[in-house]
Amino acid sequence: MKTNTCLLFLLSLLFFQCNKASEVTPVAPKVDYDKRSIQIMQEVSPSLLGDWKIRRLAIKAQPYQVGQRELKIVRDTVFQDFATLSIRQGAPRRSVPDPRYANFEGFLRFRTKTYPIQFELMASPNRIVDNTGPQAIFLLEYNFPPGSHPTEPEEMFLQYIGFMQENFSLEIVPGQPTMVWQGSNRGIDKIELQKQ
């Protein structure tokens, strides 16, 4: 009886393995993350350069977000024709340039003020792995010269609504005059930009 049970057990294992072998799916080719990042930067970077109009900036109300409380934003809000943005290629931030990243600088014209800005673009992980979602992510920062300067009310407004010092994802169709940014943390739902 013991021998029959062991034999039955071994045959079951063998049969189970045979079934599994016939159900094996082909393995997807391994992604070369660096190569794919470089490719995405080469596709996206040229399309970013130029002058852009921020046509629409949509904010999702977040009752516990400090900046929105300061500005008394209590419900979803949309700003039309918010500002303009001039983007040009920036100097590399590393002593040895890394083609997986693209540096940009430029100017933000908001109300009557003009502010220097900068950001470093990197490929979005989802776009690298399975070619879905936005192409890139970045942190939008001011690019003031070293040293201190008085903070203007317009600067504070841009920070409070979550536009400056914020992480964004970016989606652009090469050859098309539009671009979309989505905020990550502080309430900006979507920014629609139109090339001028």
Protein backbone atom coordinates (compact mmCIF):
# COMPACT_ATOMS: atom_id res chain seq x y z
CA MET A 1 0.00 0.00 0.00
CA LYS A 2 2.85 2.36 0.87
CA THR A 3 4.60 1.59 -2.42
CA ASN A 4 1.41 2.26 -4.40
CA THR A 5 0.86 5.56 -2.60
CA CYS A 6 4.45 6.67 -3.27
CA LEU A 7 4.21 5.60 -6.90
CA LEU A 8 0.90 7.43 -7.31
CA PHE A 9 2.41 10.54 -5.70
CA LEU A 10 5.45 10.46 -8.04
CA LEU A 11 3.25 9.97 -11.11
CA SER A 12 1.08 12.90 -10.01
CA LEU A 13 4.15 15.11 -9.73
CA LEU A 14 5.38 14.03 -13.15
CA PHE A 15 1.98 14.63 -14.72
CA PHE A 16 1.73 18.04 -13.00
CA GLN A 17 5.16 19.04 -14.36
CA CYS A 18 4.23 17.92 -17.89
CA ASN A 19 1.11 20.06 -17.80
CA LYS A 20 3.03 23.07 -16.52
CA ALA A 21 5.68 22.72 -19.23
CA SER A 22 3.04 22.91 -21.97
CA GLU A 23 1.51 26.06 -20.39
CA VAL A 24 4.72 28.07 -20.23
CA THR A 25 4.36 31.46 -21.84
CA PRO A 26 7.25 33.07 -23.64
CA VAL A 27 9.34 35.46 -21.55
CA ALA A 28 9.19 39.09 -22.61
CA PRO A 29 12.50 40.50 -23.73
CA LYS A 30 14.46 42.25 -21.00
CA VAL A 31 14.21 46.05 -21.09
CA ASP A 32 17.47 47.99 -21.29
CA TYR A 33 16.41 50.79 -18.91
CA ASP A 34 19.28 53.14 -19.77
CA LYS A 35 18.86 52.74 -23.51
CA ARG A 36 15.08 53.26 -23.26
CA SER A 37 15.54 56.36 -21.04
CA ILE A 38 17.92 57.89 -23.56
CA GLN A 39 15.50 57.14 -26.40
CA ILE A 40 12.61 58.82 -24.57
CA MET A 41 14.71 61.92 -23.84
CA GLN A 42 15.73 62.14 -27.50
CA GLU A 43 12.09 61.89 -28.60
CA VAL A 44 10.68 64.42 -26.11
CA SER A 45 13.39 67.07 -25.66
CA PRO A 46 13.21 68.84 -29.05
CA SER A 47 9.43 69.25 -28.75
CA LEU A 48 9.72 71.10 -25.43
CA LEU A 49 11.83 73.97 -26.72
CA GLY A 50 10.08 77.24 -27.47
CA ASP A 51 7.37 79.50 -26.06
CA TRP A 52 4.28 78.02 -24.44
CA LYS A 53 1.04 79.51 -23.23
CA ILE A 54 -0.41 77.92 -20.11
CA ARG A 55 -3.98 77.90 -21.38
CA ARG A 56 -5.61 76.02 -18.54
CA LEU A 57 -4.48 75.17 -15.01
CA ALA A 58 -6.91 72.98 -13.04
CA ILE A 59 -6.63 72.64 -9.27
CA LYS A 60 -8.24 69.85 -7.28
CA ALA A 61 -9.33 71.23 -3.91
CA GLN A 62 -7.51 69.63 -0.97
CA PRO A 63 -8.79 70.93 2.38
CA TYR A 64 -5.60 70.04 4.26
CA GLN A 65 -3.15 71.52 1.74
CA VAL A 66 -1.53 74.54 3.42
CA GLY A 67 -1.11 76.65 0.28
CA GLN A 68 -4.73 76.20 -0.76
CA ARG A 69 -5.87 77.20 2.72
CA GLU A 70 -3.73 80.35 2.53
CA LEU A 71 -5.37 81.25 -0.79
CA LYS A 72 -8.83 80.20 0.45
CA ILE A 73 -9.27 77.65 -2.35
CA VAL A 74 -12.12 75.47 -1.08
CA ARG A 75 -13.41 73.90 -4.30
CA ASP A 76 -11.97 72.74 -7.61
CA THR A 77 -10.66 75.78 -9.49
CA VAL A 78 -9.58 76.43 -13.08
CA PHE A 79 -7.36 79.31 -14.23
CA GLN A 80 -7.55 80.23 -17.92
CA ASP A 81 -4.63 81.84 -19.79
CA PHE A 82 -2.59 81.56 -16.63
CA ALA A 83 0.95 82.47 -17.79
CA THR A 84 3.53 81.97 -20.51
CA LEU A 85 6.64 79.84 -20.39
CA SER A 86 9.80 80.07 -22.49
CA ILE A 87 11.85 76.85 -22.49
CA ARG A 88 15.37 76.37 -23.84
CA GLN A 89 18.04 73.71 -23.42
CA GLY A 90 19.85 74.11 -20.10
CA ALA A 91 23.44 73.46 -19.11
CA PRO A 92 24.16 69.94 -17.84
CA ARG A 93 23.94 69.64 -14.05
CA ARG A 94 26.61 66.94 -13.87
CA SER A 95 30.32 67.20 -14.61
CA VAL A 96 29.88 64.26 -17.00
CA PRO A 97 26.66 64.73 -19.03
CA ASP A 98 24.20 61.86 -18.68
CA PRO A 99 21.93 61.39 -21.74
CA ARG A 100 19.26 59.73 -19.56
CA TYR A 101 18.38 63.23 -18.31
CA ALA A 102 17.60 66.46 -20.15
CA ASN A 103 18.08 69.86 -18.55
CA PHE A 104 15.97 72.87 -19.38
CA GLU A 105 15.81 76.45 -18.25
CA GLY A 106 13.79 79.47 -19.24
CA PHE A 107 11.37 82.08 -18.01
CA LEU A 108 7.89 82.07 -16.55
CA ARG A 109 5.86 85.22 -17.23
CA PHE A 110 3.10 85.50 -14.66
CA ARG A 111 0.99 88.64 -14.33
CA THR A 112 3.51 91.49 -14.61
CA LYS A 113 6.52 89.49 -13.41
CA THR A 114 9.10 87.29 -15.11
CA TYR A 115 10.86 84.53 -13.17
CA PRO A 116 13.79 82.31 -14.20
CA ILE A 117 12.92 78.60 -14.03
CA GLN A 118 14.70 75.28 -14.48
CA PHE A 119 13.90 71.58 -14.49
CA GLU A 120 15.59 68.28 -15.21
CA LEU A 121 13.54 65.81 -17.19
CA MET A 122 13.80 62.07 -16.66
CA ALA A 123 11.90 59.23 -18.31
CA SER A 124 8.80 58.01 -16.51
CA PRO A 125 9.21 54.44 -15.16
CA ASN A 126 5.93 53.25 -16.73
CA ARG A 127 6.97 54.58 -20.13
CA ILE A 128 10.32 52.78 -19.86
CA VAL A 129 8.88 49.42 -18.82
CA ASP A 130 5.61 49.05 -20.72
CA ASN A 131 5.34 52.18 -22.90
CA THR A 132 2.28 53.57 -21.08
CA GLY A 133 1.57 56.78 -19.25
CA PRO A 134 3.39 60.10 -19.48
CA GLN A 135 6.83 60.20 -21.08
CA ALA A 136 8.69 62.07 -18.37
CA ILE A 137 8.71 63.49 -14.86
CA PHE A 138 10.40 66.58 -13.42
CA LEU A 139 10.58 69.07 -10.54
CA LEU A 140 9.85 72.67 -11.58
CA GLU A 141 12.10 75.10 -9.69
CA TYR A 142 13.08 78.73 -9.70
CA ASN A 143 16.53 79.45 -11.17
CA PHE A 144 17.53 82.61 -9.34
CA PRO A 145 21.23 83.49 -9.23
CA PRO A 146 23.03 82.45 -6.03
CA GLY A 147 22.23 84.65 -3.08
CA SER A 148 19.01 85.79 -1.53
CA HIS A 149 16.28 87.99 -2.92
CA PRO A 150 13.02 89.22 -1.43
CA THR A 151 10.11 86.87 -2.12
CA GLU A 152 7.39 88.62 -4.07
CA PRO A 153 3.66 88.00 -3.54
CA GLU A 154 3.41 86.47 -7.05
CA GLU A 155 6.14 83.94 -6.16
CA MET A 156 4.27 82.95 -3.03
CA PHE A 157 1.06 82.57 -5.01
CA LEU A 158 2.79 80.23 -7.50
CA GLN A 159 4.13 78.13 -4.63
CA TYR A 160 0.84 78.10 -2.71
CA ILE A 161 -1.17 76.80 -5.66
CA GLY A 162 1.44 74.07 -6.18
CA PHE A 163 2.90 75.30 -9.45
CA MET A 164 6.48 76.03 -8.38
CA GLN A 165 8.63 73.59 -6.39
CA GLU A 166 6.32 70.79 -7.51
CA ASN A 167 6.82 67.44 -9.25
CA PHE A 168 5.01 66.98 -12.55
CA SER A 169 4.57 64.30 -15.15
CA LEU A 170 4.68 65.43 -18.75
CA GLU A 171 3.03 64.12 -21.88
CA ILE A 172 3.71 65.57 -25.30
CA VAL A 173 3.04 64.26 -28.79
CA PRO A 174 6.08 65.07 -30.95
CA GLY A 175 5.10 67.38 -33.76
CA GLN A 176 1.92 68.54 -31.99
CA PRO A 177 1.59 72.06 -30.49
CA THR A 178 0.18 70.88 -27.16
CA MET A 179 1.57 69.48 -23.92
CA VAL A 180 -0.02 68.28 -20.67
CA TRP A 181 1.46 68.33 -17.16
CA GLN A 182 -0.04 66.63 -14.16
CA GLY A 183 0.93 67.57 -10.61
CA SER A 184 1.99 64.92 -8.15
CA ASN A 185 1.42 66.25 -4.66
CA ARG A 186 -0.11 69.64 -4.04
CA GLY A 187 -3.43 69.80 -5.84
CA ILE A 188 -2.65 70.72 -9.43
CA ASP A 189 -4.68 68.23 -11.39
CA LYS A 190 -3.78 69.20 -14.95
CA ILE A 191 -2.00 71.93 -16.87
CA GLU A 192 -2.66 72.30 -20.59
CA LEU A 193 -0.02 74.17 -22.58
CA GLN A 194 -0.21 75.43 -26.17
CA LYS A 195 2.90 76.21 -28.23
CA GLN A 196 2.97 79.80 -29.49
